[in-house]
Amino acid sequence: MSLKEVVTKRVSDRTGRRVRNLVVEVAADGVGVVLRGRAASFHVKQLAQQGAREALPHAQLENAIVVE
């Protein structure tokens, strides 16, 4: 399983799959991660961020999930 797949699964599990159109971009060196997608609440956005942090605790994380 690739690093991208691990982060995507962790975020999906943590949010109960409540982030629509979830895209996880992981830099080749594994240092940078960008989360993209749409969520109905700020809480779900935070849960996604926590899931990514659990998978890659030392990565630079950009949470670009849009709350609608």
PDB file of N, CA and C in Angstrom:
ATOM      1  N   MET A   1       0.855  -1.183   0.000  1.00  0.00           N
ATOM      2  CA  MET A   1       0.000   0.000   0.000  1.00  0.00           C
ATOM      3  C   MET A   1       0.898   1.243   0.000  1.00  0.00           C
ATOM      4  N   SER A   2       0.606   2.178  -0.891  1.00  0.00           N
ATOM      5  CA  SER A   2       1.414   3.392  -0.992  1.00  0.00           C
ATOM      6  C   SER A   2       1.100   4.356   0.150  1.00  0.00           C
ATOM      7  N   LEU A   3       1.986   5.319   0.341  1.00  0.00           N
ATOM      8  CA  LEU A   3       1.793   6.324   1.390  1.00  0.00           C
ATOM      9  C   LEU A   3       0.497   7.102   1.158  1.00  0.00           C
ATOM     10  N   LYS A   4       0.223   7.421  -0.089  1.00  0.00           N
ATOM     11  CA  LYS A   4      -1.016   8.134  -0.435  1.00  0.00           C
ATOM     12  C   LYS A   4      -2.242   7.313  -0.046  1.00  0.00           C
ATOM     13  N   GLU A   5      -2.203   6.019  -0.328  1.00  0.00           N
ATOM     14  CA  GLU A   5      -3.329   5.139   0.017  1.00  0.00           C
ATOM     15  C   GLU A   5      -3.506   5.029   1.525  1.00  0.00           C
ATOM     16  N   VAL A   6      -2.408   4.980   2.252  1.00  0.00           N
ATOM     17  CA  VAL A   6      -2.476   4.896   3.719  1.00  0.00           C
ATOM     18  C   VAL A   6      -3.140   6.149   4.284  1.00  0.00           C
ATOM     19  N   VAL A   7      -2.701   7.325   3.814  1.00  0.00           N
ATOM     20  CA  VAL A   7      -3.268   8.585   4.309  1.00  0.00           C
ATOM     21  C   VAL A   7      -4.736   8.695   3.917  1.00  0.00           C
ATOM     22  N   THR A   8      -5.063   8.350   2.679  1.00  0.00           N
ATOM     23  CA  THR A   8      -6.452   8.417   2.208  1.00  0.00           C
ATOM     24  C   THR A   8      -7.354   7.525   3.056  1.00  0.00           C
ATOM     25  N   LYS A   9      -6.894   6.308   3.330  1.00  0.00           N
ATOM     26  CA  LYS A   9      -7.697   5.385   4.147  1.00  0.00           C
ATOM     27  C   LYS A   9      -7.869   5.923   5.559  1.00  0.00           C
ATOM     28  N   ARG A  10      -6.797   6.448   6.143  1.00  0.00           N
ATOM     29  CA  ARG A  10      -6.874   6.972   7.508  1.00  0.00           C
ATOM     30  C   ARG A  10      -7.849   8.141   7.580  1.00  0.00           C
ATOM     31  N   VAL A  11      -7.776   9.056   6.605  1.00  0.00           N
ATOM     32  CA  VAL A  11      -8.677  10.213   6.581  1.00  0.00           C
ATOM     33  C   VAL A  11     -10.121   9.736   6.389  1.00  0.00           C
ATOM     34  N   SER A  12     -10.339   8.818   5.459  1.00  0.00           N
ATOM     35  CA  SER A  12     -11.695   8.311   5.211  1.00  0.00           C
ATOM     36  C   SER A  12     -12.273   7.623   6.435  1.00  0.00           C
ATOM     37  N   ASP A  13     -11.459   6.818   7.093  1.00  0.00           N
ATOM     38  CA  ASP A  13     -11.918   6.124   8.302  1.00  0.00           C
ATOM     39  C   ASP A  13     -12.228   7.116   9.411  1.00  0.00           C
ATOM     40  N   ARG A  14     -11.360   8.098   9.594  1.00  0.00           N
ATOM     41  CA  ARG A  14     -11.513   9.085  10.681  1.00  0.00           C
ATOM     42  C   ARG A  14     -12.753   9.951  10.484  1.00  0.00           C
ATOM     43  N   THR A  15     -13.072  10.257   9.222  1.00  0.00           N
ATOM     44  CA  THR A  15     -14.205  11.151   8.939  1.00  0.00           C
ATOM     45  C   THR A  15     -15.494  10.386   8.644  1.00  0.00           C
ATOM     46  N   GLY A  16     -15.434   9.080   8.649  1.00  0.00           N
ATOM     47  CA  GLY A  16     -16.625   8.312   8.291  1.00  0.00           C
ATOM     48  C   GLY A  16     -17.014   8.552   6.843  1.00  0.00           C
ATOM     49  N   ARG A  17     -16.005   8.807   6.010  1.00  0.00           N
ATOM     50  CA  ARG A  17     -16.189   9.052   4.575  1.00  0.00           C
ATOM     51  C   ARG A  17     -17.080  10.260   4.288  1.00  0.00           C
ATOM     52  N   ARG A  18     -17.027  11.250   5.185  1.00  0.00           N
ATOM     53  CA  ARG A  18     -17.861  12.445   5.017  1.00  0.00           C
ATOM     54  C   ARG A  18     -17.164  13.571   4.260  1.00  0.00           C
ATOM     55  N   VAL A  19     -15.979  13.316   3.715  1.00  0.00           N
ATOM     56  CA  VAL A  19     -15.332  14.302   2.850  1.00  0.00           C
ATOM     57  C   VAL A  19     -15.597  13.870   1.410  1.00  0.00           C
ATOM     58  N   ARG A  20     -16.339  14.684   0.700  1.00  0.00           N
ATOM     59  CA  ARG A  20     -16.664  14.373  -0.696  1.00  0.00           C
ATOM     60  C   ARG A  20     -15.487  14.746  -1.593  1.00  0.00           C
ATOM     61  N   ASN A  21     -15.284  13.958  -2.622  1.00  0.00           N
ATOM     62  CA  ASN A  21     -14.218  14.201  -3.608  1.00  0.00           C
ATOM     63  C   ASN A  21     -12.850  14.327  -2.938  1.00  0.00           C
ATOM     64  N   LEU A  22     -12.576  13.477  -1.965  1.00  0.00           N
ATOM     65  CA  LEU A  22     -11.315  13.531  -1.239  1.00  0.00           C
ATOM     66  C   LEU A  22     -10.144  13.219  -2.169  1.00  0.00           C
ATOM     67  N   VAL A  23      -9.168  14.110  -2.151  1.00  0.00           N
ATOM     68  CA  VAL A  23      -7.912  13.909  -2.882  1.00  0.00           C
ATOM     69  C   VAL A  23      -6.782  14.168  -1.892  1.00  0.00           C
ATOM     70  N   VAL A  24      -5.874  13.221  -1.803  1.00  0.00           N
ATOM     71  CA  VAL A  24      -4.700  13.372  -0.940  1.00  0.00           C
ATOM     72  C   VAL A  24      -3.475  13.426  -1.844  1.00  0.00           C
ATOM     73  N   GLU A  25      -2.730  14.514  -1.739  1.00  0.00           N
ATOM     74  CA  GLU A  25      -1.501  14.665  -2.506  1.00  0.00           C
ATOM     75  C   GLU A  25      -0.335  14.552  -1.531  1.00  0.00           C
ATOM     76  N   VAL A  26       0.542  13.589  -1.786  1.00  0.00           N
ATOM     77  CA  VAL A  26       1.704  13.389  -0.932  1.00  0.00           C
ATOM     78  C   VAL A  26       2.942  13.658  -1.777  1.00  0.00           C
ATOM     79  N   ALA A  27       3.822  14.525  -1.286  1.00  0.00           N
ATOM     80  CA  ALA A  27       5.068  14.818  -1.990  1.00  0.00           C
ATOM     81  C   ALA A  27       5.908  13.544  -2.078  1.00  0.00           C
ATOM     82  N   ALA A  28       6.738  13.467  -3.102  1.00  0.00           N
ATOM     83  CA  ALA A  28       7.563  12.280  -3.327  1.00  0.00           C
ATOM     84  C   ALA A  28       8.433  11.935  -2.120  1.00  0.00           C
ATOM     85  N   ASP A  29       8.873  12.957  -1.389  1.00  0.00           N
ATOM     86  CA  ASP A  29       9.713  12.715  -0.210  1.00  0.00           C
ATOM     87  C   ASP A  29       8.900  12.436   1.053  1.00  0.00           C
ATOM     88  N   GLY A  30       7.552  12.502   0.949  1.00  0.00           N
ATOM     89  CA  GLY A  30       6.688  12.227   2.094  1.00  0.00           C
ATOM     90  C   GLY A  30       6.632  13.338   3.119  1.00  0.00           C
ATOM     91  N   VAL A  31       7.250  14.482   2.814  1.00  0.00           N
ATOM     92  CA  VAL A  31       7.288  15.584   3.780  1.00  0.00           C
ATOM     93  C   VAL A  31       6.060  16.475   3.677  1.00  0.00           C
ATOM     94  N   GLY A  32       5.523  16.658   2.488  1.00  0.00           N
ATOM     95  CA  GLY A  32       4.363  17.530   2.295  1.00  0.00           C
ATOM     96  C   GLY A  32       3.116  16.753   1.937  1.00  0.00           C
ATOM     97  N   VAL A  33       2.000  17.140   2.535  1.00  0.00           N
ATOM     98  CA  VAL A  33       0.709  16.512   2.260  1.00  0.00           C
ATOM     99  C   VAL A  33      -0.328  17.611   2.081  1.00  0.00           C
ATOM    100  N   VAL A  34      -1.167  17.459   1.049  1.00  0.00           N
ATOM    101  CA  VAL A  34      -2.265  18.394   0.822  1.00  0.00           C
ATOM    102  C   VAL A  34      -3.558  17.589   0.793  1.00  0.00           C
ATOM    103  N   LEU A  35      -4.542  18.036   1.573  1.00  0.00           N
ATOM    104  CA  LEU A  35      -5.872  17.423   1.573  1.00  0.00           C
ATOM    105  C   LEU A  35      -6.816  18.325   0.793  1.00  0.00           C
ATOM    106  N   ARG A  36      -7.557  17.747  -0.134  1.00  0.00           N
ATOM    107  CA  ARG A  36      -8.544  18.503  -0.908  1.00  0.00           C
ATOM    108  C   ARG A  36      -9.862  17.740  -0.891  1.00  0.00           C
ATOM    109  N   GLY A  37     -10.944  18.486  -0.984  1.00  0.00           N
ATOM    110  CA  GLY A  37     -12.264  17.883  -1.018  1.00  0.00           C
ATOM    111  C   GLY A  37     -13.290  18.858  -0.465  1.00  0.00           C
ATOM    112  N   ARG A  38     -14.455  18.342  -0.152  1.00  0.00           N
ATOM    113  CA  ARG A  38     -15.549  19.169   0.364  1.00  0.00           C
ATOM    114  C   ARG A  38     -16.167  18.490   1.581  1.00  0.00           C
ATOM    115  N   ALA A  39     -16.444  19.295   2.598  1.00  0.00           N
ATOM    116  CA  ALA A  39     -17.046  18.778   3.828  1.00  0.00           C
ATOM    117  C   ALA A  39     -18.213  19.671   4.230  1.00  0.00           C
ATOM    118  N   ALA A  40     -19.162  19.093   4.937  1.00  0.00           N
ATOM    119  CA  ALA A  40     -20.345  19.835   5.359  1.00  0.00           C
ATOM    120  C   ALA A  40     -20.096  20.664   6.615  1.00  0.00           C
ATOM    121  N   SER A  41     -19.010  20.363   7.345  1.00  0.00           N
ATOM    122  CA  SER A  41     -18.750  21.102   8.578  1.00  0.00           C
ATOM    123  C   SER A  41     -17.255  21.241   8.839  1.00  0.00           C
ATOM    124  N   PHE A  42     -16.930  22.236   9.652  1.00  0.00           N
ATOM    125  CA  PHE A  42     -15.545  22.443  10.045  1.00  0.00           C
ATOM    126  C   PHE A  42     -15.049  21.255  10.870  1.00  0.00           C
ATOM    127  N   HIS A  43     -15.938  20.648  11.628  1.00  0.00           N
ATOM    128  CA  HIS A  43     -15.577  19.486  12.451  1.00  0.00           C
ATOM    129  C   HIS A  43     -15.043  18.351  11.574  1.00  0.00           C
ATOM    130  N   VAL A  44     -15.709  18.075  10.468  1.00  0.00           N
ATOM    131  CA  VAL A  44     -15.265  17.013   9.558  1.00  0.00           C
ATOM    132  C   VAL A  44     -13.902  17.386   8.967  1.00  0.00           C
ATOM    133  N   LYS A  45     -13.701  18.663   8.648  1.00  0.00           N
ATOM    134  CA  LYS A  45     -12.412  19.126   8.140  1.00  0.00           C
ATOM    135  C   LYS A  45     -11.308  18.852   9.171  1.00  0.00           C
ATOM    136  N   GLN A  46     -11.600  19.124  10.428  1.00  0.00           N
ATOM    137  CA  GLN A  46     -10.632  18.868  11.499  1.00  0.00           C
ATOM    138  C   GLN A  46     -10.345  17.378  11.660  1.00  0.00           C
ATOM    139  N   LEU A  47     -11.384  16.555  11.560  1.00  0.00           N
ATOM    140  CA  LEU A  47     -11.191  15.111  11.662  1.00  0.00           C
ATOM    141  C   LEU A  47     -10.287  14.604  10.544  1.00  0.00           C
ATOM    142  N   ALA A  48     -10.460  15.154   9.349  1.00  0.00           N
ATOM    143  CA  ALA A  48      -9.611  14.774   8.222  1.00  0.00           C
ATOM    144  C   ALA A  48      -8.156  15.121   8.520  1.00  0.00           C
ATOM    145  N   GLN A  49      -7.944  16.281   9.065  1.00  0.00           N
ATOM    146  CA  GLN A  49      -6.597  16.728   9.408  1.00  0.00           C
ATOM    147  C   GLN A  49      -5.978  15.817  10.462  1.00  0.00           C
ATOM    148  N   GLN A  50      -6.759  15.441  11.452  1.00  0.00           N
ATOM    149  CA  GLN A  50      -6.258  14.544  12.496  1.00  0.00           C
ATOM    150  C   GLN A  50      -5.890  13.180  11.916  1.00  0.00           C
ATOM    151  N   GLY A  51      -6.704  12.689  10.983  1.00  0.00           N
ATOM    152  CA  GLY A  51      -6.405  11.410  10.343  1.00  0.00           C
ATOM    153  C   GLY A  51      -5.098  11.453   9.582  1.00  0.00           C
ATOM    154  N   ALA A  52      -4.874  12.544   8.855  1.00  0.00           N
ATOM    155  CA  ALA A  52      -3.621  12.695   8.108  1.00  0.00           C
ATOM    156  C   ALA A  52      -2.442  12.791   9.064  1.00  0.00           C
ATOM    157  N   ARG A  53      -2.611  13.503  10.171  1.00  0.00           N
ATOM    158  CA  ARG A  53      -1.535  13.642  11.161  1.00  0.00           C
ATOM    159  C   ARG A  53      -1.198  12.297  11.812  1.00  0.00           C
ATOM    160  N   GLU A  54      -2.211  11.457  12.007  1.00  0.00           N
ATOM    161  CA  GLU A  54      -1.956  10.131  12.577  1.00  0.00           C
ATOM    162  C   GLU A  54      -1.085   9.299  11.634  1.00  0.00           C
ATOM    163  N   ALA A  55      -1.340   9.419  10.339  1.00  0.00           N
ATOM    164  CA  ALA A  55      -0.587   8.640   9.360  1.00  0.00           C
ATOM    165  C   ALA A  55       0.814   9.201   9.147  1.00  0.00           C
ATOM    166  N   LEU A  56       0.926  10.536   9.116  1.00  0.00           N
ATOM    167  CA  LEU A  56       2.212  11.200   8.874  1.00  0.00           C
ATOM    168  C   LEU A  56       2.394  12.326   9.889  1.00  0.00           C
ATOM    169  N   PRO A  57       2.793  11.998  11.102  1.00  0.00           N
ATOM    170  CA  PRO A  57       2.837  13.006  12.165  1.00  0.00           C
ATOM    171  C   PRO A  57       3.826  14.150  11.948  1.00  0.00           C
ATOM    172  N   HIS A  58       4.861  13.941  11.133  1.00  0.00           N
ATOM    173  CA  HIS A  58       5.874  14.981  10.967  1.00  0.00           C
ATOM    174  C   HIS A  58       5.791  15.692   9.618  1.00  0.00           C
ATOM    175  N   ALA A  59       4.772  15.393   8.843  1.00  0.00           N
ATOM    176  CA  ALA A  59       4.644  16.001   7.515  1.00  0.00           C
ATOM    177  C   ALA A  59       4.126  17.435   7.620  1.00  0.00           C
ATOM    178  N   GLN A  60       4.486  18.242   6.640  1.00  0.00           N
ATOM    179  CA  GLN A  60       3.895  19.581   6.519  1.00  0.00           C
ATOM    180  C   GLN A  60       2.528  19.372   5.881  1.00  0.00           C
ATOM    181  N   LEU A  61       1.484  19.766   6.566  1.00  0.00           N
ATOM    182  CA  LEU A  61       0.137  19.478   6.123  1.00  0.00           C
ATOM    183  C   LEU A  61      -0.601  20.748   5.727  1.00  0.00           C
ATOM    184  N   GLU A  62      -1.181  20.710   4.541  1.00  0.00           N
ATOM    185  CA  GLU A  62      -2.062  21.783   4.110  1.00  0.00           C
ATOM    186  C   GLU A  62      -3.465  21.208   3.979  1.00  0.00           C
ATOM    187  N   ASN A  63      -4.390  21.738   4.746  1.00  0.00           N
ATOM    188  CA  ASN A  63      -5.771  21.273   4.700  1.00  0.00           C
ATOM    189  C   ASN A  63      -6.568  22.219   3.830  1.00  0.00           C
ATOM    190  N   ALA A  64      -6.736  21.860   2.554  1.00  0.00           N
ATOM    191  CA  ALA A  64      -7.448  22.697   1.603  1.00  0.00           C
ATOM    192  C   ALA A  64      -8.878  22.205   1.387  1.00  0.00           C
ATOM    193  N   ILE A  65      -9.416  21.462   2.352  1.00  0.00           N
ATOM    194  CA  ILE A  65     -10.797  20.991   2.265  1.00  0.00           C
ATOM    195  C   ILE A  65     -11.723  22.190   2.438  1.00  0.00           C
ATOM    196  N   VAL A  66     -12.689  22.288   1.550  1.00  0.00           N
ATOM    197  CA  VAL A  66     -13.643  23.408   1.572  1.00  0.00           C
ATOM    198  C   VAL A  66     -14.857  23.011   2.400  1.00  0.00           C
ATOM    199  N   VAL A  67     -15.233  23.869   3.333  1.00  0.00           N
ATOM    200  CA  VAL A  67     -16.431  23.639   4.143  1.00  0.00           C
ATOM    201  C   VAL A  67     -17.589  24.368   3.471  1.00  0.00           C
ATOM    202  N   GLU A  68     -18.633  23.616   3.174  1.00  0.00           N
ATOM    203  CA  GLU A  68     -19.798  24.199   2.484  1.00  0.00           C
ATOM    204  C   GLU A  68     -20.941  24.412   3.428  1.00  0.00           C
TER     205      GLU A  68
END
